[in-house]
Amino acid sequence: MHYLSIILGFATAASALDIYLHTSRTDCSGPAIVCTGINPNTCCGIPTGSVASIGFRGIVNDWFIEVRGHEGGRCGPIKTLDTAFQTNFKCLSQGPYTGAGYGFRGKKRGAAAVAEKCTPPDLLILEGGKKYSLVGMEDSQLDELVALVSNGTNAAEIPDVFKTLEKVE
C-alpha cells in the first residue's frame, strides 16, 4: 500500500497541464490568459468577462482525460465537457467561457468525479508573444486586462501600470 501512494504521488506531480484561455479567437490561437502547471481537478478561472476558446496544452499522449469549460464567472457551471486521448492538445471552441479544468477519466469507470478548486491565471500572452506575470494580481486588475486583451490591445497599448509585470525571457 505504501508503494501505491508513492507511485500515485509521482503520477500527480507529472500530471500538470497549461490551460490557455484564448480571449478573442475560437480556434485556440492568439492572445491568452494562462494558468501554468495546473493539476487535475483544479480549475483556472477569471472573475468576470469571458474568453472565446480554451486550449489544454501539454497533455501526455497516453492520458485519457476529461476537459471542462465553465461559464458564469470563474469555475461556475460546466458548459462544455469533452475527452482527450492520444493527443498533446485539446481545444474547446464553443465559448464564451470563464474557466477551465480537467481530470483523469477511467476507460471502464466513466466520468471522473469533478471536485475542482479554482485558481487564478498567472500569465498573459499578447498577440506578438509578449508575456506579463499575473501572479498576485487583484480581481479588478485582472478584469481590466481581460477586457483590454479581448478588445485587441497590443503591447504598445498596455497601460503603464501593467508594464512592470512584463516577463523578460
N, C-alpha and C. Protein backbone atom coordinates (compact mmCIF):
# COMPACT_ATOMS: atom_id res chain seq x y z
N MET A 1 0.82 -1.18 0.00
CA MET A 1 0.00 0.00 0.00
C MET A 1 0.86 1.25 0.00
N HIS A 2 1.97 1.21 0.73
CA HIS A 2 2.87 2.34 0.80
C HIS A 2 3.44 2.66 -0.59
N TYR A 3 3.76 1.63 -1.36
CA TYR A 3 4.32 1.85 -2.70
C TYR A 3 3.28 2.49 -3.63
N LEU A 4 2.03 2.09 -3.47
CA LEU A 4 0.97 2.66 -4.29
C LEU A 4 0.86 4.17 -4.06
N SER A 5 0.94 4.60 -2.81
CA SER A 5 0.84 6.04 -2.54
C SER A 5 2.04 6.80 -3.11
N ILE A 6 3.20 6.20 -3.12
CA ILE A 6 4.38 6.83 -3.72
C ILE A 6 4.20 6.96 -5.23
N ILE A 7 3.73 5.89 -5.86
CA ILE A 7 3.52 5.91 -7.32
C ILE A 7 2.46 6.95 -7.68
N LEU A 8 1.36 7.00 -6.91
CA LEU A 8 0.32 7.99 -7.19
C LEU A 8 0.83 9.41 -6.99
N GLY A 9 1.72 9.59 -6.03
CA GLY A 9 2.33 10.90 -5.82
C GLY A 9 3.15 11.35 -7.01
N PHE A 10 3.93 10.41 -7.58
CA PHE A 10 4.70 10.73 -8.78
C PHE A 10 3.79 11.03 -9.96
N ALA A 11 2.73 10.27 -10.10
CA ALA A 11 1.79 10.48 -11.21
C ALA A 11 1.15 11.86 -11.12
N THR A 12 0.77 12.27 -9.93
CA THR A 12 0.17 13.59 -9.74
C THR A 12 1.17 14.69 -10.05
N ALA A 13 2.40 14.52 -9.63
CA ALA A 13 3.43 15.54 -9.87
C ALA A 13 3.70 15.71 -11.36
N ALA A 14 3.53 14.64 -12.13
CA ALA A 14 3.82 14.69 -13.56
C ALA A 14 2.57 14.95 -14.38
N SER A 15 1.47 15.36 -13.76
CA SER A 15 0.22 15.47 -14.49
C SER A 15 -0.25 16.89 -14.73
N ALA A 16 0.61 17.86 -14.59
CA ALA A 16 0.19 19.26 -14.73
C ALA A 16 0.14 19.67 -16.20
N LEU A 17 -0.90 20.43 -16.54
CA LEU A 17 -1.07 20.98 -17.89
C LEU A 17 -1.06 22.50 -17.84
N ASP A 18 -0.90 23.10 -18.98
CA ASP A 18 -1.09 24.54 -19.13
C ASP A 18 -2.45 24.75 -19.79
N ILE A 19 -3.25 25.62 -19.19
CA ILE A 19 -4.58 25.91 -19.73
C ILE A 19 -4.57 27.35 -20.24
N TYR A 20 -4.84 27.49 -21.53
CA TYR A 20 -4.86 28.79 -22.20
C TYR A 20 -6.30 29.23 -22.40
N LEU A 21 -6.67 30.35 -21.81
CA LEU A 21 -7.98 30.96 -22.01
C LEU A 21 -7.81 32.00 -23.12
N HIS A 22 -8.17 31.62 -24.34
CA HIS A 22 -7.98 32.50 -25.51
C HIS A 22 -9.09 33.54 -25.58
N THR A 23 -8.67 34.79 -25.55
CA THR A 23 -9.62 35.88 -25.36
C THR A 23 -10.50 36.20 -26.56
N SER A 24 -10.00 36.06 -27.78
CA SER A 24 -10.76 36.60 -28.90
C SER A 24 -10.95 35.65 -30.07
N ARG A 25 -10.36 34.48 -30.05
CA ARG A 25 -10.48 33.57 -31.19
C ARG A 25 -11.02 32.22 -30.74
N THR A 26 -11.87 31.63 -31.58
CA THR A 26 -12.46 30.34 -31.24
C THR A 26 -11.61 29.16 -31.69
N ASP A 27 -10.43 29.42 -32.26
CA ASP A 27 -9.56 28.33 -32.74
C ASP A 27 -8.37 28.08 -31.82
N CYS A 28 -8.44 28.56 -30.58
CA CYS A 28 -7.36 28.35 -29.59
C CYS A 28 -6.03 28.92 -30.06
N SER A 29 -6.08 30.08 -30.67
CA SER A 29 -4.85 30.78 -31.05
C SER A 29 -4.98 32.23 -30.62
N GLY A 30 -3.88 32.96 -30.73
CA GLY A 30 -3.91 34.38 -30.39
C GLY A 30 -3.70 34.64 -28.91
N PRO A 31 -4.03 35.85 -28.48
CA PRO A 31 -3.80 36.25 -27.09
C PRO A 31 -4.48 35.30 -26.11
N ALA A 32 -3.82 35.11 -24.95
CA ALA A 32 -4.38 34.17 -23.97
C ALA A 32 -4.03 34.58 -22.56
N ILE A 33 -4.94 34.25 -21.67
CA ILE A 33 -4.71 34.34 -20.23
C ILE A 33 -4.45 32.90 -19.81
N VAL A 34 -3.34 32.66 -19.12
CA VAL A 34 -2.85 31.29 -18.94
C VAL A 34 -2.71 30.91 -17.47
N CYS A 35 -3.07 29.69 -17.19
CA CYS A 35 -2.73 29.05 -15.91
C CYS A 35 -1.69 27.99 -16.23
N THR A 36 -0.50 28.15 -15.70
CA THR A 36 0.58 27.20 -15.98
C THR A 36 0.64 26.15 -14.89
N GLY A 37 0.96 24.92 -15.29
CA GLY A 37 1.16 23.83 -14.34
C GLY A 37 -0.06 23.49 -13.51
N ILE A 38 -1.21 23.41 -14.15
CA ILE A 38 -2.46 23.12 -13.44
C ILE A 38 -2.62 21.61 -13.25
N ASN A 39 -2.87 21.20 -12.02
CA ASN A 39 -3.07 19.80 -11.70
C ASN A 39 -4.51 19.38 -11.98
N PRO A 40 -4.76 18.07 -12.04
CA PRO A 40 -6.13 17.59 -12.27
C PRO A 40 -7.08 18.12 -11.20
N ASN A 41 -8.33 18.29 -11.61
CA ASN A 41 -9.41 18.74 -10.73
C ASN A 41 -9.13 20.08 -10.07
N THR A 42 -8.38 20.92 -10.80
CA THR A 42 -8.18 22.32 -10.44
C THR A 42 -8.67 23.12 -11.64
N CYS A 43 -9.44 24.14 -11.38
CA CYS A 43 -9.98 24.98 -12.44
C CYS A 43 -9.21 26.28 -12.52
N CYS A 44 -8.96 26.75 -13.73
CA CYS A 44 -8.34 28.05 -13.99
C CYS A 44 -9.47 28.98 -14.40
N GLY A 45 -9.72 30.05 -13.63
CA GLY A 45 -10.87 30.89 -13.94
C GLY A 45 -10.62 32.38 -13.80
N ILE A 46 -11.40 33.15 -14.55
CA ILE A 46 -11.37 34.60 -14.46
C ILE A 46 -12.66 35.06 -13.78
N PRO A 47 -12.58 36.14 -12.99
CA PRO A 47 -13.75 36.55 -12.20
C PRO A 47 -14.93 37.04 -13.03
N THR A 48 -14.68 37.83 -14.06
CA THR A 48 -15.75 38.35 -14.91
C THR A 48 -15.26 38.35 -16.35
N GLY A 49 -16.12 38.77 -17.25
CA GLY A 49 -15.77 38.74 -18.66
C GLY A 49 -15.84 37.31 -19.17
N SER A 50 -15.30 37.09 -20.35
CA SER A 50 -15.31 35.73 -20.89
C SER A 50 -14.25 35.61 -21.97
N VAL A 51 -13.96 34.36 -22.32
CA VAL A 51 -13.00 34.08 -23.38
C VAL A 51 -13.68 33.23 -24.46
N ALA A 52 -13.13 33.26 -25.66
CA ALA A 52 -13.76 32.60 -26.81
C ALA A 52 -13.47 31.10 -26.88
N SER A 53 -12.27 30.69 -26.46
CA SER A 53 -11.91 29.28 -26.55
C SER A 53 -10.89 28.94 -25.48
N ILE A 54 -10.71 27.63 -25.26
CA ILE A 54 -9.79 27.14 -24.23
C ILE A 54 -8.88 26.10 -24.85
N GLY A 55 -7.56 26.29 -24.66
CA GLY A 55 -6.58 25.31 -25.13
C GLY A 55 -5.93 24.60 -23.96
N PHE A 56 -5.96 23.28 -23.99
CA PHE A 56 -5.28 22.46 -22.99
C PHE A 56 -3.99 21.98 -23.63
N ARG A 57 -2.84 22.43 -23.12
CA ARG A 57 -1.55 22.13 -23.74
C ARG A 57 -0.68 21.31 -22.79
N GLY A 58 0.08 20.38 -23.39
CA GLY A 58 1.00 19.56 -22.62
C GLY A 58 0.38 18.26 -22.14
N ILE A 59 -0.67 17.81 -22.79
CA ILE A 59 -1.31 16.54 -22.43
C ILE A 59 -0.35 15.40 -22.80
N VAL A 60 -0.15 14.48 -21.90
CA VAL A 60 0.66 13.30 -22.19
C VAL A 60 -0.17 12.40 -23.11
N ASN A 61 0.44 11.94 -24.19
CA ASN A 61 -0.24 11.19 -25.24
C ASN A 61 -1.06 10.00 -24.73
N ASP A 62 -0.59 9.34 -23.70
CA ASP A 62 -1.28 8.14 -23.19
C ASP A 62 -2.41 8.45 -22.22
N TRP A 63 -2.57 9.71 -21.85
CA TRP A 63 -3.62 10.05 -20.89
C TRP A 63 -4.99 10.00 -21.54
N PHE A 64 -5.97 9.61 -20.76
CA PHE A 64 -7.37 9.68 -21.16
C PHE A 64 -8.00 10.66 -20.17
N ILE A 65 -8.18 11.90 -20.60
CA ILE A 65 -8.67 12.93 -19.69
C ILE A 65 -10.00 13.51 -20.16
N GLU A 66 -10.68 14.09 -19.19
CA GLU A 66 -11.91 14.81 -19.45
C GLU A 66 -11.59 16.29 -19.29
N VAL A 67 -11.89 17.09 -20.30
CA VAL A 67 -11.64 18.53 -20.24
C VAL A 67 -12.98 19.24 -20.10
N ARG A 68 -12.96 20.33 -19.31
CA ARG A 68 -14.19 21.03 -18.98
C ARG A 68 -14.05 22.53 -19.21
N GLY A 69 -15.06 23.12 -19.83
CA GLY A 69 -15.16 24.57 -19.96
C GLY A 69 -16.30 25.06 -19.09
N HIS A 70 -16.03 26.08 -18.29
CA HIS A 70 -17.02 26.61 -17.34
C HIS A 70 -17.55 27.96 -17.81
N GLU A 71 -18.73 28.32 -17.32
CA GLU A 71 -19.33 29.61 -17.59
C GLU A 71 -19.85 30.20 -16.29
N GLY A 72 -20.28 31.45 -16.32
CA GLY A 72 -20.90 32.05 -15.16
C GLY A 72 -19.95 32.66 -14.15
N GLY A 73 -18.71 32.94 -14.55
CA GLY A 73 -17.73 33.51 -13.63
C GLY A 73 -16.85 32.44 -13.03
N ARG A 74 -15.55 32.62 -13.17
CA ARG A 74 -14.55 31.67 -12.65
C ARG A 74 -14.88 30.24 -13.05
N CYS A 75 -15.08 29.41 -12.07
CA CYS A 75 -15.29 27.98 -12.29
C CYS A 75 -16.74 27.61 -12.00
N GLY A 76 -17.64 28.38 -12.58
CA GLY A 76 -19.07 28.15 -12.39
C GLY A 76 -19.51 26.85 -13.04
N PRO A 77 -20.76 26.79 -13.43
CA PRO A 77 -21.29 25.55 -14.01
C PRO A 77 -20.51 25.12 -15.26
N ILE A 78 -20.45 23.82 -15.47
CA ILE A 78 -19.77 23.28 -16.67
C ILE A 78 -20.65 23.57 -17.88
N LYS A 79 -20.03 24.17 -18.89
CA LYS A 79 -20.72 24.46 -20.15
C LYS A 79 -20.41 23.40 -21.19
N THR A 80 -19.12 23.02 -21.28
CA THR A 80 -18.69 22.05 -22.28
C THR A 80 -17.86 20.98 -21.60
N LEU A 81 -18.11 19.73 -21.98
CA LEU A 81 -17.40 18.58 -21.46
C LEU A 81 -16.96 17.74 -22.64
N ASP A 82 -15.66 17.39 -22.69
CA ASP A 82 -15.14 16.60 -23.80
C ASP A 82 -14.01 15.72 -23.27
N THR A 83 -13.52 14.84 -24.10
CA THR A 83 -12.41 13.98 -23.71
C THR A 83 -11.22 14.20 -24.63
N ALA A 84 -10.05 13.83 -24.14
CA ALA A 84 -8.82 13.91 -24.94
C ALA A 84 -8.03 12.63 -24.70
N PHE A 85 -7.59 12.00 -25.78
CA PHE A 85 -6.81 10.77 -25.70
C PHE A 85 -5.92 10.72 -26.94
N GLN A 86 -4.69 10.30 -26.76
CA GLN A 86 -3.69 10.19 -27.83
C GLN A 86 -3.49 11.52 -28.55
N THR A 87 -3.37 12.57 -27.76
CA THR A 87 -3.08 13.91 -28.28
C THR A 87 -2.35 14.70 -27.20
N ASN A 88 -1.62 15.72 -27.59
CA ASN A 88 -0.97 16.58 -26.60
C ASN A 88 -1.68 17.93 -26.47
N PHE A 89 -2.80 18.10 -27.20
CA PHE A 89 -3.51 19.37 -27.23
C PHE A 89 -5.00 19.12 -27.44
N LYS A 90 -5.83 19.90 -26.76
CA LYS A 90 -7.28 19.85 -26.98
C LYS A 90 -7.82 21.27 -26.94
N CYS A 91 -8.70 21.59 -27.88
CA CYS A 91 -9.31 22.91 -27.96
C CYS A 91 -10.81 22.80 -27.74
N LEU A 92 -11.32 23.62 -26.83
CA LEU A 92 -12.76 23.78 -26.67
C LEU A 92 -13.12 25.12 -27.30
N SER A 93 -13.97 25.09 -28.32
CA SER A 93 -14.21 26.30 -29.10
C SER A 93 -15.65 26.80 -29.06
N GLN A 94 -16.44 26.28 -28.14
CA GLN A 94 -17.84 26.69 -28.08
C GLN A 94 -18.08 27.75 -27.00
N GLY A 95 -17.17 28.72 -26.84
CA GLY A 95 -17.30 29.74 -25.81
C GLY A 95 -18.58 30.53 -25.96
N PRO A 96 -18.85 31.46 -25.08
CA PRO A 96 -17.90 32.04 -24.12
C PRO A 96 -17.73 31.19 -22.86
N TYR A 97 -16.50 31.28 -22.31
CA TYR A 97 -16.12 30.56 -21.09
C TYR A 97 -15.54 31.53 -20.08
N THR A 98 -15.58 31.13 -18.81
CA THR A 98 -14.92 31.91 -17.76
C THR A 98 -13.90 31.07 -16.99
N GLY A 99 -13.82 29.79 -17.29
CA GLY A 99 -12.85 28.94 -16.61
C GLY A 99 -12.74 27.59 -17.28
N ALA A 100 -11.72 26.83 -16.88
CA ALA A 100 -11.48 25.51 -17.46
C ALA A 100 -10.75 24.62 -16.48
N GLY A 101 -10.97 23.32 -16.62
CA GLY A 101 -10.28 22.34 -15.80
C GLY A 101 -10.28 21.00 -16.49
N TYR A 102 -9.63 20.04 -15.86
CA TYR A 102 -9.59 18.69 -16.43
C TYR A 102 -9.41 17.68 -15.30
N GLY A 103 -9.66 16.42 -15.64
CA GLY A 103 -9.44 15.34 -14.70
C GLY A 103 -9.23 14.06 -15.47
N PHE A 104 -8.68 13.07 -14.80
CA PHE A 104 -8.46 11.78 -15.45
C PHE A 104 -9.77 11.03 -15.53
N ARG A 105 -9.94 10.34 -16.62
CA ARG A 105 -11.16 9.57 -16.86
C ARG A 105 -10.78 8.12 -17.04
N GLY A 106 -11.35 7.25 -16.25
CA GLY A 106 -11.08 5.82 -16.39
C GLY A 106 -11.83 5.25 -17.56
N LYS A 107 -11.19 4.44 -18.36
CA LYS A 107 -11.84 3.87 -19.53
C LYS A 107 -13.02 2.99 -19.13
N LYS A 108 -12.97 2.39 -17.94
CA LYS A 108 -14.03 1.49 -17.51
C LYS A 108 -15.00 2.16 -16.54
N ARG A 109 -14.56 3.17 -15.84
CA ARG A 109 -15.36 3.73 -14.76
C ARG A 109 -16.27 4.86 -15.18
N GLY A 110 -16.11 5.41 -16.35
CA GLY A 110 -16.95 6.54 -16.76
C GLY A 110 -16.33 7.86 -16.34
N ALA A 111 -17.15 8.86 -16.24
CA ALA A 111 -16.67 10.22 -16.00
C ALA A 111 -15.97 10.35 -14.65
N ALA A 112 -14.95 11.17 -14.65
CA ALA A 112 -14.22 11.45 -13.42
C ALA A 112 -15.07 12.31 -12.50
N ALA A 113 -14.88 12.14 -11.23
CA ALA A 113 -15.59 12.98 -10.27
C ALA A 113 -15.04 14.40 -10.37
N VAL A 114 -15.92 15.38 -10.38
CA VAL A 114 -15.50 16.76 -10.52
C VAL A 114 -15.59 17.44 -9.16
N ALA A 115 -14.45 17.64 -8.55
CA ALA A 115 -14.36 18.37 -7.28
C ALA A 115 -13.23 19.36 -7.44
N GLU A 116 -13.50 20.39 -8.23
CA GLU A 116 -12.43 21.32 -8.61
C GLU A 116 -12.26 22.46 -7.63
N LYS A 117 -11.00 22.81 -7.39
CA LYS A 117 -10.73 24.07 -6.69
C LYS A 117 -10.39 25.07 -7.79
N CYS A 118 -10.60 26.34 -7.54
CA CYS A 118 -10.39 27.36 -8.56
C CYS A 118 -9.12 28.14 -8.27
N THR A 119 -8.33 28.37 -9.30
CA THR A 119 -7.10 29.14 -9.18
C THR A 119 -7.11 30.24 -10.24
N PRO A 120 -6.54 31.40 -9.94
CA PRO A 120 -6.49 32.47 -10.94
C PRO A 120 -5.36 32.22 -11.94
N PRO A 121 -5.46 32.83 -13.11
CA PRO A 121 -4.38 32.72 -14.09
C PRO A 121 -3.11 33.39 -13.60
N ASP A 122 -1.97 32.95 -14.12
CA ASP A 122 -0.70 33.52 -13.68
C ASP A 122 0.12 34.15 -14.81
N LEU A 123 -0.41 34.14 -16.04
CA LEU A 123 0.36 34.64 -17.18
C LEU A 123 -0.59 35.20 -18.24
N LEU A 124 -0.17 36.29 -18.87
CA LEU A 124 -0.88 36.86 -20.00
C LEU A 124 0.08 36.83 -21.19
N ILE A 125 -0.40 36.32 -22.32
CA ILE A 125 0.41 36.31 -23.55
C ILE A 125 -0.34 37.11 -24.61
N LEU A 126 0.28 38.17 -25.11
CA LEU A 126 -0.34 39.00 -26.14
C LEU A 126 -0.08 38.43 -27.53
N GLU A 127 -0.73 39.02 -28.50
CA GLU A 127 -0.64 38.57 -29.90
C GLU A 127 0.80 38.40 -30.38
N GLY A 128 1.67 39.33 -30.10
CA GLY A 128 3.05 39.25 -30.57
C GLY A 128 3.95 38.37 -29.73
N GLY A 129 3.40 37.75 -28.69
CA GLY A 129 4.19 36.86 -27.84
C GLY A 129 4.70 37.49 -26.55
N LYS A 130 4.48 38.79 -26.38
CA LYS A 130 4.92 39.45 -25.14
C LYS A 130 4.14 38.88 -23.97
N LYS A 131 4.86 38.61 -22.86
CA LYS A 131 4.26 37.96 -21.70
C LYS A 131 4.28 38.87 -20.48
N TYR A 132 3.24 38.75 -19.68
CA TYR A 132 3.10 39.52 -18.44
C TYR A 132 2.72 38.57 -17.30
N SER A 133 3.34 38.75 -16.16
CA SER A 133 3.01 37.95 -14.98
C SER A 133 1.72 38.48 -14.36
N LEU A 134 0.84 37.57 -13.98
CA LEU A 134 -0.41 37.94 -13.32
C LEU A 134 -0.43 37.48 -11.86
N VAL A 135 0.69 36.98 -11.38
CA VAL A 135 0.78 36.44 -10.03
C VAL A 135 0.46 37.53 -9.00
N GLY A 136 -0.49 37.23 -8.12
CA GLY A 136 -0.85 38.16 -7.06
C GLY A 136 -1.72 39.32 -7.49
N MET A 137 -2.19 39.31 -8.73
CA MET A 137 -2.98 40.42 -9.24
C MET A 137 -4.38 40.40 -8.62
N GLU A 138 -4.89 41.57 -8.30
CA GLU A 138 -6.24 41.69 -7.76
C GLU A 138 -7.27 41.45 -8.87
N ASP A 139 -8.46 41.01 -8.48
CA ASP A 139 -9.52 40.72 -9.45
C ASP A 139 -9.82 41.92 -10.34
N SER A 140 -9.86 43.12 -9.77
CA SER A 140 -10.20 44.31 -10.57
C SER A 140 -9.15 44.55 -11.67
N GLN A 141 -7.87 44.33 -11.34
CA GLN A 141 -6.81 44.48 -12.34
C GLN A 141 -6.93 43.40 -13.41
N LEU A 142 -7.20 42.17 -12.99
CA LEU A 142 -7.35 41.07 -13.94
C LEU A 142 -8.53 41.34 -14.86
N ASP A 143 -9.64 41.83 -14.31
CA ASP A 143 -10.81 42.17 -15.14
C ASP A 143 -10.44 43.20 -16.19
N GLU A 144 -9.66 44.22 -15.79
CA GLU A 144 -9.25 45.27 -16.72
C GLU A 144 -8.39 44.71 -17.84
N LEU A 145 -7.45 43.84 -17.49
CA LEU A 145 -6.58 43.24 -18.51
C LEU A 145 -7.36 42.33 -19.46
N VAL A 146 -8.28 41.54 -18.93
CA VAL A 146 -9.10 40.67 -19.77
C VAL A 146 -9.87 41.52 -20.78
N ALA A 147 -10.46 42.62 -20.32
CA ALA A 147 -11.21 43.50 -21.22
C ALA A 147 -10.30 44.10 -22.29
N LEU A 148 -9.11 44.56 -21.89
CA LEU A 148 -8.17 45.14 -22.85
C LEU A 148 -7.76 44.13 -23.92
N VAL A 149 -7.37 42.95 -23.48
CA VAL A 149 -6.88 41.94 -24.40
C VAL A 149 -8.01 41.44 -25.30
N SER A 150 -9.20 41.31 -24.76
CA SER A 150 -10.36 40.87 -25.57
C SER A 150 -10.68 41.87 -26.67
N ASN A 151 -10.34 43.13 -26.45
CA ASN A 151 -10.59 44.17 -27.46
C ASN A 151 -9.44 44.34 -28.44
N GLY A 152 -8.44 43.46 -28.38
CA GLY A 152 -7.34 43.50 -29.35
C GLY A 152 -6.18 44.40 -28.97
N THR A 153 -6.06 44.76 -27.71
CA THR A 153 -4.96 45.61 -27.26
C THR A 153 -3.63 44.92 -27.52
N ASN A 154 -2.67 45.68 -28.05
CA ASN A 154 -1.32 45.13 -28.26
C ASN A 154 -0.39 45.64 -27.17
N ALA A 155 0.86 45.19 -27.20
CA ALA A 155 1.82 45.51 -26.13
C ALA A 155 2.02 47.01 -25.97
N ALA A 156 2.03 47.76 -27.08
CA ALA A 156 2.25 49.21 -27.00
C ALA A 156 1.09 49.92 -26.32
N GLU A 157 -0.09 49.31 -26.33
CA GLU A 157 -1.28 49.94 -25.76
C GLU A 157 -1.57 49.52 -24.32
N ILE A 158 -0.76 48.63 -23.77
CA ILE A 158 -0.96 48.20 -22.38
C ILE A 158 -0.65 49.39 -21.47
N PRO A 159 -1.55 49.71 -20.53
CA PRO A 159 -1.31 50.84 -19.62
C PRO A 159 0.00 50.66 -18.83
N ASP A 160 0.64 51.78 -18.53
CA ASP A 160 1.93 51.77 -17.83
C ASP A 160 1.89 50.99 -16.52
N VAL A 161 0.76 51.02 -15.83
CA VAL A 161 0.66 50.34 -14.54
C VAL A 161 0.92 48.84 -14.68
N PHE A 162 0.65 48.27 -15.86
CA PHE A 162 0.85 46.84 -16.07
C PHE A 162 2.21 46.52 -16.68
N LYS A 163 2.90 47.51 -17.22
CA LYS A 163 4.17 47.25 -17.90
C LYS A 163 5.25 46.73 -16.93
N THR A 164 5.10 47.01 -15.66
CA THR A 164 6.07 46.49 -14.69
C THR A 164 5.94 44.97 -14.52
N LEU A 165 4.85 44.41 -15.00
CA LEU A 165 4.61 42.98 -14.89
C LEU A 165 5.18 42.19 -16.08
N GLU A 166 5.77 42.91 -17.05
CA GLU A 166 6.29 42.24 -18.24
C GLU A 166 7.39 41.24 -17.87
N LYS A 167 7.28 40.05 -18.47
CA LYS A 167 8.27 38.99 -18.22
C LYS A 167 9.33 39.03 -19.33
N VAL A 168 10.57 39.07 -18.94
CA VAL A 168 11.68 39.05 -19.90
C VAL A 168 12.25 37.64 -19.88
N GLU A 169 12.31 37.03 -21.04
CA GLU A 169 12.83 35.65 -21.12
C GLU A 169 14.08 35.58 -21.93
